[in-house]
Amino acid sequence: MARPNHATVRHAIDLAYQNAYREMRIQAGNYLAPLDPADPDTLHLTVNALLKAGYEQKDLAQCLGVSRTTISRWSQKQNIPRSPAFRIWAVDTLRTQLASGKAAPPSQQPLPRRPGSPRAAGHR
């Protein structure tokens, strides 16, 4: 029996990882679905679920129009936004990304207006 070449083995491993991440995303989505998006803990749990499902902080940050540092803080349950409207939008946007399997460019996601701010979130 011939030994497989490195490219074949690498391809098989990549497919295994893709399938594992896909399954993790499905399970995470099922666990997160019943949680209240306005609850501050839900944003923390959602960010962590996406990170464990293979997303990178920079991709989540770009999707939401925030910094990578902000995503890092949310994953550590620090500096969670006070605005329930923003948390709901962020959780819903992240859940959509989890269901789709990829992060959408920020230009495809309208940024919410922050309460009390005349500017849209993400415009500095």
PDB file of N, CA and C in Angstrom:
ATOM      1  N   MET A   1       0.850  -1.183   0.000  1.00  0.00           N
ATOM      2  CA  MET A   1       0.000   0.000   0.000  1.00  0.00           C
ATOM      3  C   MET A   1       0.892   1.241   0.000  1.00  0.00           C
ATOM      4  N   ALA A   2       0.599   2.200  -0.881  1.00  0.00           N
ATOM      5  CA  ALA A   2       1.398   3.417  -1.016  1.00  0.00           C
ATOM      6  C   ALA A   2       1.099   4.382   0.130  1.00  0.00           C
ATOM      7  N   ARG A   3       2.126   5.059   0.549  1.00  0.00           N
ATOM      8  CA  ARG A   3       1.968   6.068   1.597  1.00  0.00           C
ATOM      9  C   ARG A   3       1.385   7.335   0.988  1.00  0.00           C
ATOM     10  N   PRO A   4       0.433   7.983   1.679  1.00  0.00           N
ATOM     11  CA  PRO A   4      -0.112   9.235   1.149  1.00  0.00           C
ATOM     12  C   PRO A   4       0.942  10.341   1.216  1.00  0.00           C
ATOM     13  N   ASN A   5       0.876  11.267   0.275  1.00  0.00           N
ATOM     14  CA  ASN A   5       1.836  12.368   0.308  1.00  0.00           C
ATOM     15  C   ASN A   5       1.398  13.426   1.322  1.00  0.00           C
ATOM     16  N   HIS A   6       2.281  14.355   1.629  1.00  0.00           N
ATOM     17  CA  HIS A   6       2.014  15.373   2.649  1.00  0.00           C
ATOM     18  C   HIS A   6       0.815  16.252   2.290  1.00  0.00           C
ATOM     19  N   ALA A   7       0.671  16.574   1.033  1.00  0.00           N
ATOM     20  CA  ALA A   7      -0.453  17.421   0.613  1.00  0.00           C
ATOM     21  C   ALA A   7      -1.784  16.722   0.873  1.00  0.00           C
ATOM     22  N   THR A   8      -1.851  15.436   0.617  1.00  0.00           N
ATOM     23  CA  THR A   8      -3.076  14.672   0.853  1.00  0.00           C
ATOM     24  C   THR A   8      -3.406  14.621   2.344  1.00  0.00           C
ATOM     25  N   VAL A   9      -2.392  14.395   3.149  1.00  0.00           N
ATOM     26  CA  VAL A   9      -2.595  14.335   4.598  1.00  0.00           C
ATOM     27  C   VAL A   9      -3.030  15.706   5.127  1.00  0.00           C
ATOM     28  N   ARG A  10      -2.343  16.770   4.667  1.00  0.00           N
ATOM     29  CA  ARG A  10      -2.710  18.125   5.087  1.00  0.00           C
ATOM     30  C   ARG A  10      -4.159  18.439   4.718  1.00  0.00           C
ATOM     31  N   HIS A  11      -4.558  18.064   3.517  1.00  0.00           N
ATOM     32  CA  HIS A  11      -5.929  18.300   3.057  1.00  0.00           C
ATOM     33  C   HIS A  11      -6.932  17.544   3.935  1.00  0.00           C
ATOM     34  N   ALA A  12      -6.630  16.306   4.265  1.00  0.00           N
ATOM     35  CA  ALA A  12      -7.525  15.511   5.113  1.00  0.00           C
ATOM     36  C   ALA A  12      -7.648  16.122   6.507  1.00  0.00           C
ATOM     37  N   ILE A  13      -6.546  16.609   7.039  1.00  0.00           N
ATOM     38  CA  ILE A  13      -6.577  17.253   8.363  1.00  0.00           C
ATOM     39  C   ILE A  13      -7.388  18.541   8.306  1.00  0.00           C
ATOM     40  N   ASP A  14      -7.179  19.344   7.256  1.00  0.00           N
ATOM     41  CA  ASP A  14      -7.957  20.578   7.100  1.00  0.00           C
ATOM     42  C   ASP A  14      -9.451  20.291   7.042  1.00  0.00           C
ATOM     43  N   LEU A  15      -9.838  19.265   6.298  1.00  0.00           N
ATOM     44  CA  LEU A  15     -11.260  18.894   6.216  1.00  0.00           C
ATOM     45  C   LEU A  15     -11.799  18.454   7.573  1.00  0.00           C
ATOM     46  N   ALA A  16     -11.001  17.721   8.323  1.00  0.00           N
ATOM     47  CA  ALA A  16     -11.429  17.286   9.656  1.00  0.00           C
ATOM     48  C   ALA A  16     -11.654  18.486  10.568  1.00  0.00           C
ATOM     49  N   TYR A  17     -10.730  19.458  10.513  1.00  0.00           N
ATOM     50  CA  TYR A  17     -10.903  20.664  11.322  1.00  0.00           C
ATOM     51  C   TYR A  17     -12.141  21.445  10.900  1.00  0.00           C
ATOM     52  N   GLN A  18     -12.356  21.580   9.606  1.00  0.00           N
ATOM     53  CA  GLN A  18     -13.535  22.299   9.120  1.00  0.00           C
ATOM     54  C   GLN A  18     -14.817  21.638   9.603  1.00  0.00           C
ATOM     55  N   ASN A  19     -14.865  20.329   9.539  1.00  0.00           N
ATOM     56  CA  ASN A  19     -16.053  19.603  10.012  1.00  0.00           C
ATOM     57  C   ASN A  19     -16.235  19.760  11.512  1.00  0.00           C
ATOM     58  N   ALA A  20     -15.144  19.729  12.267  1.00  0.00           N
ATOM     59  CA  ALA A  20     -15.224  19.891  13.722  1.00  0.00           C
ATOM     60  C   ALA A  20     -15.720  21.287  14.067  1.00  0.00           C
ATOM     61  N   TYR A  21     -15.173  22.312  13.383  1.00  0.00           N
ATOM     62  CA  TYR A  21     -15.621  23.687  13.647  1.00  0.00           C
ATOM     63  C   TYR A  21     -17.084  23.867  13.267  1.00  0.00           C
ATOM     64  N   ARG A  22     -17.505  23.279  12.165  1.00  0.00           N
ATOM     65  CA  ARG A  22     -18.904  23.379  11.736  1.00  0.00           C
ATOM     66  C   ARG A  22     -19.821  22.782  12.807  1.00  0.00           C
ATOM     67  N   GLU A  23     -19.446  21.621  13.334  1.00  0.00           N
ATOM     68  CA  GLU A  23     -20.244  20.972  14.384  1.00  0.00           C
ATOM     69  C   GLU A  23     -20.259  21.813  15.654  1.00  0.00           C
ATOM     70  N   MET A  24     -19.115  22.408  16.001  1.00  0.00           N
ATOM     71  CA  MET A  24     -19.055  23.271  17.187  1.00  0.00           C
ATOM     72  C   MET A  24     -19.962  24.483  17.019  1.00  0.00           C
ATOM     73  N   ARG A  25     -19.985  25.048  15.824  1.00  0.00           N
ATOM     74  CA  ARG A  25     -20.839  26.221  15.566  1.00  0.00           C
ATOM     75  C   ARG A  25     -22.312  25.873  15.702  1.00  0.00           C
ATOM     76  N   ILE A  26     -22.680  24.710  15.194  1.00  0.00           N
ATOM     77  CA  ILE A  26     -24.076  24.275  15.303  1.00  0.00           C
ATOM     78  C   ILE A  26     -24.462  24.083  16.762  1.00  0.00           C
ATOM     79  N   GLN A  27     -23.613  23.379  17.512  1.00  0.00           N
ATOM     80  CA  GLN A  27     -23.905  23.150  18.930  1.00  0.00           C
ATOM     81  C   GLN A  27     -23.933  24.452  19.716  1.00  0.00           C
ATOM     82  N   ALA A  28     -22.973  25.335  19.453  1.00  0.00           N
ATOM     83  CA  ALA A  28     -22.942  26.623  20.159  1.00  0.00           C
ATOM     84  C   ALA A  28     -24.203  27.427  19.850  1.00  0.00           C
ATOM     85  N   GLY A  29     -24.607  27.443  18.589  1.00  0.00           N
ATOM     86  CA  GLY A  29     -25.828  28.151  18.220  1.00  0.00           C
ATOM     87  C   GLY A  29     -27.042  27.609  18.945  1.00  0.00           C
ATOM     88  N   ASN A  30     -27.116  26.298  19.091  1.00  0.00           N
ATOM     89  CA  ASN A  30     -28.235  25.684  19.808  1.00  0.00           C
ATOM     90  C   ASN A  30     -28.240  26.067  21.287  1.00  0.00           C
ATOM     91  N   TYR A  31     -27.059  26.116  21.888  1.00  0.00           N
ATOM     92  CA  TYR A  31     -26.976  26.485  23.309  1.00  0.00           C
ATOM     93  C   TYR A  31     -27.273  27.964  23.543  1.00  0.00           C
ATOM     94  N   LEU A  32     -26.863  28.818  22.597  1.00  0.00           N
ATOM     95  CA  LEU A  32     -27.029  30.258  22.763  1.00  0.00           C
ATOM     96  C   LEU A  32     -28.419  30.754  22.383  1.00  0.00           C
ATOM     97  N   ALA A  33     -29.129  30.018  21.566  1.00  0.00           N
ATOM     98  CA  ALA A  33     -30.419  30.470  21.034  1.00  0.00           C
ATOM     99  C   ALA A  33     -31.426  30.900  22.107  1.00  0.00           C
ATOM    100  N   PRO A  34     -31.600  30.146  23.197  1.00  0.00           N
ATOM    101  CA  PRO A  34     -32.631  30.555  24.163  1.00  0.00           C
ATOM    102  C   PRO A  34     -32.215  31.695  25.096  1.00  0.00           C
ATOM    103  N   LEU A  35     -30.952  32.138  25.046  1.00  0.00           N
ATOM    104  CA  LEU A  35     -30.494  33.177  25.969  1.00  0.00           C
ATOM    105  C   LEU A  35     -30.995  34.554  25.546  1.00  0.00           C
ATOM    106  N   ASP A  36     -31.280  35.398  26.526  1.00  0.00           N
ATOM    107  CA  ASP A  36     -31.768  36.761  26.300  1.00  0.00           C
ATOM    108  C   ASP A  36     -30.619  37.635  25.806  1.00  0.00           C
ATOM    109  N   PRO A  37     -30.698  38.183  24.583  1.00  0.00           N
ATOM    110  CA  PRO A  37     -29.592  38.991  24.068  1.00  0.00           C
ATOM    111  C   PRO A  37     -29.357  40.294  24.841  1.00  0.00           C
ATOM    112  N   ALA A  38     -30.328  40.754  25.588  1.00  0.00           N
ATOM    113  CA  ALA A  38     -30.153  41.981  26.369  1.00  0.00           C
ATOM    114  C   ALA A  38     -29.347  41.733  27.641  1.00  0.00           C
ATOM    115  N   ASP A  39     -29.249  40.483  28.054  1.00  0.00           N
ATOM    116  CA  ASP A  39     -28.492  40.137  29.268  1.00  0.00           C
ATOM    117  C   ASP A  39     -27.005  40.311  28.983  1.00  0.00           C
ATOM    118  N   PRO A  40     -26.276  41.055  29.834  1.00  0.00           N
ATOM    119  CA  PRO A  40     -24.841  41.265  29.602  1.00  0.00           C
ATOM    120  C   PRO A  40     -24.045  39.960  29.500  1.00  0.00           C
ATOM    121  N   ASP A  41     -24.434  38.935  30.230  1.00  0.00           N
ATOM    122  CA  ASP A  41     -23.713  37.661  30.174  1.00  0.00           C
ATOM    123  C   ASP A  41     -23.835  36.990  28.809  1.00  0.00           C
ATOM    124  N   THR A  42     -24.912  37.262  28.093  1.00  0.00           N
ATOM    125  CA  THR A  42     -25.108  36.633  26.788  1.00  0.00           C
ATOM    126  C   THR A  42     -24.059  37.108  25.791  1.00  0.00           C
ATOM    127  N   LEU A  43     -23.705  38.390  25.825  1.00  0.00           N
ATOM    128  CA  LEU A  43     -22.670  38.895  24.914  1.00  0.00           C
ATOM    129  C   LEU A  43     -21.339  38.208  25.210  1.00  0.00           C
ATOM    130  N   HIS A  44     -20.999  38.099  26.473  1.00  0.00           N
ATOM    131  CA  HIS A  44     -19.768  37.423  26.892  1.00  0.00           C
ATOM    132  C   HIS A  44     -19.766  35.965  26.404  1.00  0.00           C
ATOM    133  N   LEU A  45     -20.851  35.253  26.623  1.00  0.00           N
ATOM    134  CA  LEU A  45     -20.940  33.846  26.210  1.00  0.00           C
ATOM    135  C   LEU A  45     -20.895  33.696  24.694  1.00  0.00           C
ATOM    136  N   THR A  46     -21.549  34.603  23.988  1.00  0.00           N
ATOM    137  CA  THR A  46     -21.585  34.533  22.527  1.00  0.00           C
ATOM    138  C   THR A  46     -20.202  34.762  21.929  1.00  0.00           C
ATOM    139  N   VAL A  47     -19.500  35.768  22.431  1.00  0.00           N
ATOM    140  CA  VAL A  47     -18.142  36.044  21.953  1.00  0.00           C
ATOM    141  C   VAL A  47     -17.248  34.828  22.195  1.00  0.00           C
ATOM    142  N   ASN A  48     -17.319  34.264  23.390  1.00  0.00           N
ATOM    143  CA  ASN A  48     -16.487  33.103  23.702  1.00  0.00           C
ATOM    144  C   ASN A  48     -16.849  31.888  22.850  1.00  0.00           C
ATOM    145  N   ALA A  49     -18.129  31.704  22.577  1.00  0.00           N
ATOM    146  CA  ALA A  49     -18.547  30.577  21.729  1.00  0.00           C
ATOM    147  C   ALA A  49     -17.961  30.713  20.327  1.00  0.00           C
ATOM    148  N   LEU A  50     -17.991  31.936  19.792  1.00  0.00           N
ATOM    149  CA  LEU A  50     -17.440  32.155  18.461  1.00  0.00           C
ATOM    150  C   LEU A  50     -15.925  31.964  18.444  1.00  0.00           C
ATOM    151  N   LEU A  51     -15.254  32.409  19.484  1.00  0.00           N
ATOM    152  CA  LEU A  51     -13.799  32.230  19.549  1.00  0.00           C
ATOM    153  C   LEU A  51     -13.443  30.748  19.622  1.00  0.00           C
ATOM    154  N   LYS A  52     -14.198  29.997  20.407  1.00  0.00           N
ATOM    155  CA  LYS A  52     -13.934  28.562  20.522  1.00  0.00           C
ATOM    156  C   LYS A  52     -14.320  27.812  19.258  1.00  0.00           C
ATOM    157  N   ALA A  53     -15.224  28.394  18.470  1.00  0.00           N
ATOM    158  CA  ALA A  53     -15.657  27.758  17.228  1.00  0.00           C
ATOM    159  C   ALA A  53     -14.753  28.125  16.052  1.00  0.00           C
ATOM    160  N   GLY A  54     -13.618  28.766  16.350  1.00  0.00           N
ATOM    161  CA  GLY A  54     -12.642  29.008  15.304  1.00  0.00           C
ATOM    162  C   GLY A  54     -12.547  30.416  14.766  1.00  0.00           C
ATOM    163  N   TYR A  55     -13.392  31.310  15.220  1.00  0.00           N
ATOM    164  CA  TYR A  55     -13.296  32.692  14.769  1.00  0.00           C
ATOM    165  C   TYR A  55     -12.130  33.372  15.465  1.00  0.00           C
ATOM    166  N   GLU A  56     -11.571  34.379  14.830  1.00  0.00           N
ATOM    167  CA  GLU A  56     -10.501  35.166  15.435  1.00  0.00           C
ATOM    168  C   GLU A  56     -11.085  36.479  15.933  1.00  0.00           C
ATOM    169  N   GLN A  57     -10.451  37.034  16.955  1.00  0.00           N
ATOM    170  CA  GLN A  57     -10.928  38.289  17.533  1.00  0.00           C
ATOM    171  C   GLN A  57     -11.005  39.383  16.473  1.00  0.00           C
ATOM    172  N   LYS A  58     -10.031  39.445  15.584  1.00  0.00           N
ATOM    173  CA  LYS A  58     -10.027  40.509  14.573  1.00  0.00           C
ATOM    174  C   LYS A  58     -11.232  40.396  13.636  1.00  0.00           C
ATOM    175  N   ASP A  59     -11.659  39.153  13.327  1.00  0.00           N
ATOM    176  CA  ASP A  59     -12.825  38.966  12.459  1.00  0.00           C
ATOM    177  C   ASP A  59     -14.106  39.424  13.146  1.00  0.00           C
ATOM    178  N   LEU A  60     -14.250  39.083  14.428  1.00  0.00           N
ATOM    179  CA  LEU A  60     -15.435  39.515  15.175  1.00  0.00           C
ATOM    180  C   LEU A  60     -15.446  41.026  15.328  1.00  0.00           C
ATOM    181  N   ALA A  61     -14.274  41.597  15.591  1.00  0.00           N
ATOM    182  CA  ALA A  61     -14.165  43.053  15.741  1.00  0.00           C
ATOM    183  C   ALA A  61     -14.572  43.759  14.452  1.00  0.00           C
ATOM    184  N   GLN A  62     -14.086  43.251  13.330  1.00  0.00           N
ATOM    185  CA  GLN A  62     -14.427  43.855  12.038  1.00  0.00           C
ATOM    186  C   GLN A  62     -15.926  43.737  11.766  1.00  0.00           C
ATOM    187  N   CYS A  63     -16.492  42.612  12.092  1.00  0.00           N
ATOM    188  CA  CYS A  63     -17.917  42.373  11.872  1.00  0.00           C
ATOM    189  C   CYS A  63     -18.773  43.371  12.642  1.00  0.00           C
ATOM    190  N   LEU A  64     -18.349  43.693  13.872  1.00  0.00           N
ATOM    191  CA  LEU A  64     -19.140  44.587  14.726  1.00  0.00           C
ATOM    192  C   LEU A  64     -18.689  46.042  14.668  1.00  0.00           C
ATOM    193  N   GLY A  65     -17.588  46.315  14.010  1.00  0.00           N
ATOM    194  CA  GLY A  65     -17.091  47.685  13.936  1.00  0.00           C
ATOM    195  C   GLY A  65     -16.492  48.158  15.247  1.00  0.00           C
ATOM    196  N   VAL A  66     -15.878  47.234  15.993  1.00  0.00           N
ATOM    197  CA  VAL A  66     -15.202  47.581  17.240  1.00  0.00           C
ATOM    198  C   VAL A  66     -13.756  47.117  17.126  1.00  0.00           C
ATOM    199  N   SER A  67     -12.955  47.411  18.142  1.00  0.00           N
ATOM    200  CA  SER A  67     -11.551  47.001  18.102  1.00  0.00           C
ATOM    201  C   SER A  67     -11.389  45.554  18.567  1.00  0.00           C
ATOM    202  N   ARG A  68     -10.256  44.978  18.212  1.00  0.00           N
ATOM    203  CA  ARG A  68      -9.926  43.639  18.669  1.00  0.00           C
ATOM    204  C   ARG A  68      -9.809  43.626  20.189  1.00  0.00           C
ATOM    205  N   THR A  69      -9.318  44.725  20.753  1.00  0.00           N
ATOM    206  CA  THR A  69      -9.206  44.846  22.211  1.00  0.00           C
ATOM    207  C   THR A  69     -10.578  44.787  22.868  1.00  0.00           C
ATOM    208  N   THR A  70     -11.572  45.387  22.237  1.00  0.00           N
ATOM    209  CA  THR A  70     -12.939  45.349  22.773  1.00  0.00           C
ATOM    210  C   THR A  70     -13.447  43.909  22.812  1.00  0.00           C
ATOM    211  N   ILE A  71     -13.222  43.165  21.735  1.00  0.00           N
ATOM    212  CA  ILE A  71     -13.638  41.754  21.703  1.00  0.00           C
ATOM    213  C   ILE A  71     -12.922  40.984  22.806  1.00  0.00           C
ATOM    214  N   SER A  72     -11.641  41.240  22.978  1.00  0.00           N
ATOM    215  CA  SER A  72     -10.868  40.572  24.025  1.00  0.00           C
ATOM    216  C   SER A  72     -11.456  40.868  25.404  1.00  0.00           C
ATOM    217  N   ARG A  73     -11.800  42.116  25.630  1.00  0.00           N
ATOM    218  CA  ARG A  73     -12.384  42.494  26.930  1.00  0.00           C
ATOM    219  C   ARG A  73     -13.743  41.834  27.140  1.00  0.00           C
ATOM    220  N   TRP A  74     -14.561  41.813  26.101  1.00  0.00           N
ATOM    221  CA  TRP A  74     -15.872  41.170  26.240  1.00  0.00           C
ATOM    222  C   TRP A  74     -15.709  39.684  26.538  1.00  0.00           C
ATOM    223  N   SER A  75     -14.711  39.053  25.921  1.00  0.00           N
ATOM    224  CA  SER A  75     -14.500  37.625  26.166  1.00  0.00           C
ATOM    225  C   SER A  75     -14.067  37.356  27.602  1.00  0.00           C
ATOM    226  N   GLN A  76     -13.499  38.378  28.245  1.00  0.00           N
ATOM    227  CA  GLN A  76     -13.071  38.260  29.640  1.00  0.00           C
ATOM    228  C   GLN A  76     -14.109  38.846  30.601  1.00  0.00           C
ATOM    229  N   LYS A  77     -15.272  39.189  30.046  1.00  0.00           N
ATOM    230  CA  LYS A  77     -16.394  39.750  30.819  1.00  0.00           C
ATOM    231  C   LYS A  77     -16.039  41.114  31.411  1.00  0.00           C
ATOM    232  N   GLN A  78     -15.296  41.893  30.646  1.00  0.00           N
ATOM    233  CA  GLN A  78     -14.916  43.247  31.047  1.00  0.00           C
ATOM    234  C   GLN A  78     -15.532  44.235  30.064  1.00  0.00           C
ATOM    235  N   ASN A  79     -15.886  45.398  30.574  1.00  0.00           N
ATOM    236  CA  ASN A  79     -16.376  46.499  29.734  1.00  0.00           C
ATOM    237  C   ASN A  79     -17.524  46.104  28.802  1.00  0.00           C
ATOM    238  N   ILE A  80     -18.440  45.296  29.299  1.00  0.00           N
ATOM    239  CA  ILE A  80     -19.625  44.931  28.514  1.00  0.00           C
ATOM    240  C   ILE A  80     -20.460  46.203  28.334  1.00  0.00           C
ATOM    241  N   PRO A  81     -20.920  46.493  27.130  1.00  0.00           N
ATOM    242  CA  PRO A  81     -21.710  47.712  26.901  1.00  0.00           C
ATOM    243  C   PRO A  81     -22.935  47.787  27.821  1.00  0.00           C
ATOM    244  N   ARG A  82     -23.221  48.977  28.305  1.00  0.00           N
ATOM    245  CA  ARG A  82     -24.380  49.167  29.194  1.00  0.00           C
ATOM    246  C   ARG A  82     -25.693  49.194  28.430  1.00  0.00           C
ATOM    247  N   SER A  83     -25.639  49.623  27.198  1.00  0.00           N
ATOM    248  CA  SER A  83     -26.855  49.784  26.403  1.00  0.00           C
ATOM    249  C   SER A  83     -27.445  48.431  26.007  1.00  0.00           C
ATOM    250  N   PRO A  84     -28.670  48.129  26.498  1.00  0.00           N
ATOM    251  CA  PRO A  84     -29.298  46.868  26.080  1.00  0.00           C
ATOM    252  C   PRO A  84     -29.505  46.798  24.563  1.00  0.00           C
ATOM    253  N   ALA A  85     -29.810  47.954  23.943  1.00  0.00           N
ATOM    254  CA  ALA A  85     -30.036  47.961  22.492  1.00  0.00           C
ATOM    255  C   ALA A  85     -28.764  47.557  21.749  1.00  0.00           C
ATOM    256  N   PHE A  86     -27.631  48.051  22.190  1.00  0.00           N
ATOM    257  CA  PHE A  86     -26.366  47.688  21.544  1.00  0.00           C
ATOM    258  C   PHE A  86     -26.046  46.215  21.773  1.00  0.00           C
ATOM    259  N   ARG A  87     -26.260  45.738  23.004  1.00  0.00           N
ATOM    260  CA  ARG A  87     -25.991  44.322  23.304  1.00  0.00           C
ATOM    261  C   ARG A  87     -26.871  43.416  22.453  1.00  0.00           C
ATOM    262  N   ILE A  88     -28.138  43.766  22.319  1.00  0.00           N
ATOM    263  CA  ILE A  88     -29.061  42.964  21.509  1.00  0.00           C
ATOM    264  C   ILE A  88     -28.569  42.918  20.060  1.00  0.00           C
ATOM    265  N   TRP A  89     -28.216  44.082  19.515  1.00  0.00           N
ATOM    266  CA  TRP A  89     -27.726  44.136  18.136  1.00  0.00           C
ATOM    267  C   TRP A  89     -26.456  43.313  17.986  1.00  0.00           C
ATOM    268  N   ALA A  90     -25.503  43.469  18.918  1.00  0.00           N
ATOM    269  CA  ALA A  90     -24.228  42.750  18.836  1.00  0.00           C
ATOM    270  C   ALA A  90     -24.447  41.238  18.916  1.00  0.00           C
ATOM    271  N   VAL A  91     -25.269  40.799  19.861  1.00  0.00           N
ATOM    272  CA  VAL A  91     -25.525  39.356  20.020  1.00  0.00           C
ATOM    273  C   VAL A  91     -26.238  38.815  18.782  1.00  0.00           C
ATOM    274  N   ASP A  92     -27.239  39.524  18.288  1.00  0.00           N
ATOM    275  CA  ASP A  92     -27.952  39.064  17.092  1.00  0.00           C
ATOM    276  C   ASP A  92     -27.014  38.988  15.882  1.00  0.00           C
ATOM    277  N   THR A  93     -26.131  39.988  15.736  1.00  0.00           N
ATOM    278  CA  THR A  93     -25.179  39.994  14.630  1.00  0.00           C
ATOM    279  C   THR A  93     -24.216  38.821  14.751  1.00  0.00           C
ATOM    280  N   LEU A  94     -23.717  38.562  15.962  1.00  0.00           N
ATOM    281  CA  LEU A  94     -22.789  37.455  16.166  1.00  0.00           C
ATOM    282  C   LEU A  94     -23.481  36.109  15.979  1.00  0.00           C
ATOM    283  N   ARG A  95     -24.734  36.015  16.419  1.00  0.00           N
ATOM    284  CA  ARG A  95     -25.478  34.756  16.199  1.00  0.00           C
ATOM    285  C   ARG A  95     -25.647  34.492  14.707  1.00  0.00           C
ATOM    286  N   THR A  96     -25.896  35.539  13.941  1.00  0.00           N
ATOM    287  CA  THR A  96     -26.025  35.403  12.492  1.00  0.00           C
ATOM    288  C   THR A  96     -24.719  34.886  11.892  1.00  0.00           C
ATOM    289  N   GLN A  97     -23.597  35.423  12.372  1.00  0.00           N
ATOM    290  CA  GLN A  97     -22.297  34.978  11.881  1.00  0.00           C
ATOM    291  C   GLN A  97     -22.055  33.518  12.249  1.00  0.00           C
ATOM    292  N   LEU A  98     -22.454  33.157  13.450  1.00  0.00           N
ATOM    293  CA  LEU A  98     -22.294  31.774  13.901  1.00  0.00           C
ATOM    294  C   LEU A  98     -23.094  30.831  13.013  1.00  0.00           C
ATOM    295  N   ALA A  99     -24.310  31.221  12.665  1.00  0.00           N
ATOM    296  CA  ALA A  99     -25.163  30.383  11.825  1.00  0.00           C
ATOM    297  C   ALA A  99     -24.642  30.304  10.392  1.00  0.00           C
ATOM    298  N   SER A 100     -24.057  31.408   9.911  1.00  0.00           N
ATOM    299  CA  SER A 100     -23.584  31.431   8.525  1.00  0.00           C
ATOM    300  C   SER A 100     -22.232  30.761   8.355  1.00  0.00           C
ATOM    301  N   GLY A 101     -21.462  30.724   9.427  1.00  0.00           N
ATOM    302  CA  GLY A 101     -20.156  30.090   9.346  1.00  0.00           C
ATOM    303  C   GLY A 101     -19.038  31.009   8.922  1.00  0.00           C
ATOM    304  N   LYS A 102     -19.339  32.290   8.671  1.00  0.00           N
ATOM    305  CA  LYS A 102     -18.279  33.228   8.312  1.00  0.00           C
ATOM    306  C   LYS A 102     -18.681  34.632   8.716  1.00  0.00           C
ATOM    307  N   ALA A 103     -17.709  35.469   8.904  1.00  0.00           N
ATOM    308  CA  ALA A 103     -17.963  36.853   9.297  1.00  0.00           C
ATOM    309  C   ALA A 103     -18.204  37.700   8.054  1.00  0.00           C
ATOM    310  N   ALA A 104     -19.233  38.526   8.106  1.00  0.00           N
ATOM    311  CA  ALA A 104     -19.542  39.407   6.986  1.00  0.00           C
ATOM    312  C   ALA A 104     -18.734  40.691   7.121  1.00  0.00           C
ATOM    313  N   PRO A 105     -18.366  41.297   6.009  1.00  0.00           N
ATOM    314  CA  PRO A 105     -17.671  42.575   6.082  1.00  0.00           C
ATOM    315  C   PRO A 105     -18.545  43.607   6.780  1.00  0.00           C
ATOM    316  N   PRO A 106     -17.940  44.540   7.528  1.00  0.00           N
ATOM    317  CA  PRO A 106     -18.732  45.536   8.249  1.00  0.00           C
ATOM    318  C   PRO A 106     -19.652  46.342   7.342  1.00  0.00           C
ATOM    319  N   SER A 107     -19.274  46.530   6.082  1.00  0.00           N
ATOM    320  CA  SER A 107     -20.103  47.326   5.176  1.00  0.00           C
ATOM    321  C   SER A 107     -21.464  46.678   4.937  1.00  0.00           C
ATOM    322  N   GLN A 108     -21.582  45.368   5.191  1.00  0.00           N
ATOM    323  CA  GLN A 108     -22.848  44.681   4.986  1.00  0.00           C
ATOM    324  C   GLN A 108     -23.712  44.682   6.247  1.00  0.00           C
ATOM    325  N   GLN A 109     -23.158  45.134   7.358  1.00  0.00           N
ATOM    326  CA  GLN A 109     -23.892  45.151   8.616  1.00  0.00           C
ATOM    327  C   GLN A 109     -24.077  46.601   9.059  1.00  0.00           C
ATOM    328  N   PRO A 110     -25.314  47.105   9.121  1.00  0.00           N
ATOM    329  CA  PRO A 110     -25.499  48.469   9.589  1.00  0.00           C
ATOM    330  C   PRO A 110     -25.123  48.573  11.064  1.00  0.00           C
ATOM    331  N   LEU A 111     -24.382  49.601  11.397  1.00  0.00           N
ATOM    332  CA  LEU A 111     -23.998  49.807  12.785  1.00  0.00           C
ATOM    333  C   LEU A 111     -25.114  50.550  13.508  1.00  0.00           C
ATOM    334  N   PRO A 112     -25.421  50.166  14.745  1.00  0.00           N
ATOM    335  CA  PRO A 112     -26.497  50.832  15.470  1.00  0.00           C
ATOM    336  C   PRO A 112     -26.043  52.192  15.968  1.00  0.00           C
ATOM    337  N   ARG A 113     -27.002  53.055  16.190  1.00  0.00           N
ATOM    338  CA  ARG A 113     -26.686  54.327  16.826  1.00  0.00           C
ATOM    339  C   ARG A 113     -26.578  54.070  18.317  1.00  0.00           C
ATOM    340  N   ARG A 114     -25.535  54.587  18.898  1.00  0.00           N
ATOM    341  CA  ARG A 114     -25.379  54.438  20.338  1.00  0.00           C
ATOM    342  C   ARG A 114     -26.311  55.421  21.026  1.00  0.00           C
ATOM    343  N   PRO A 115     -27.035  54.956  22.043  1.00  0.00           N
ATOM    344  CA  PRO A 115     -27.939  55.856  22.760  1.00  0.00           C
ATOM    345  C   PRO A 115     -27.196  57.072  23.293  1.00  0.00           C
ATOM    346  N   GLY A 116     -27.774  58.248  23.052  1.00  0.00           N
ATOM    347  CA  GLY A 116     -27.195  59.494  23.534  1.00  0.00           C
ATOM    348  C   GLY A 116     -26.075  60.033  22.661  1.00  0.00           C
ATOM    349  N   SER A 117     -25.799  59.363  21.558  1.00  0.00           N
ATOM    350  CA  SER A 117     -24.727  59.811  20.677  1.00  0.00           C
ATOM    351  C   SER A 117     -25.311  60.192  19.330  1.00  0.00           C
ATOM    352  N   PRO A 118     -24.937  61.364  18.798  1.00  0.00           N
ATOM    353  CA  PRO A 118     -25.464  61.764  17.497  1.00  0.00           C
ATOM    354  C   PRO A 118     -24.806  60.999  16.348  1.00  0.00           C
ATOM    355  N   ARG A 119     -23.682  60.316  16.636  1.00  0.00           N
ATOM    356  CA  ARG A 119     -22.982  59.575  15.600  1.00  0.00           C
ATOM    357  C   ARG A 119     -23.294  58.091  15.700  1.00  0.00           C
ATOM    358  N   ALA A 120     -23.136  57.396  14.593  1.00  0.00           N
ATOM    359  CA  ALA A 120     -23.312  55.937  14.593  1.00  0.00           C
ATOM    360  C   ALA A 120     -22.112  55.299  15.256  1.00  0.00           C
ATOM    361  N   ALA A 121     -22.338  54.147  15.874  1.00  0.00           N
ATOM    362  CA  ALA A 121     -21.242  53.405  16.493  1.00  0.00           C
ATOM    363  C   ALA A 121     -20.217  53.046  15.426  1.00  0.00           C
ATOM    364  N   GLY A 122     -18.966  53.094  15.795  1.00  0.00           N
ATOM    365  CA  GLY A 122     -17.918  52.724  14.851  1.00  0.00           C
ATOM    366  C   GLY A 122     -17.365  53.901  14.090  1.00  0.00           C
ATOM    367  N   HIS A 123     -18.022  55.053  14.099  1.00  0.00           N
ATOM    368  CA  HIS A 123     -17.512  56.261  13.443  1.00  0.00           C
ATOM    369  C   HIS A 123     -16.889  57.144  14.505  1.00  0.00           C
ATOM    370  N   ARG A 124     -15.594  57.293  14.412  1.00  0.00           N
ATOM    371  CA  ARG A 124     -14.891  58.058  15.460  1.00  0.00           C
ATOM    372  C   ARG A 124     -14.385  59.350  14.893  1.00  0.00           C
TER     373      ARG A 124
END
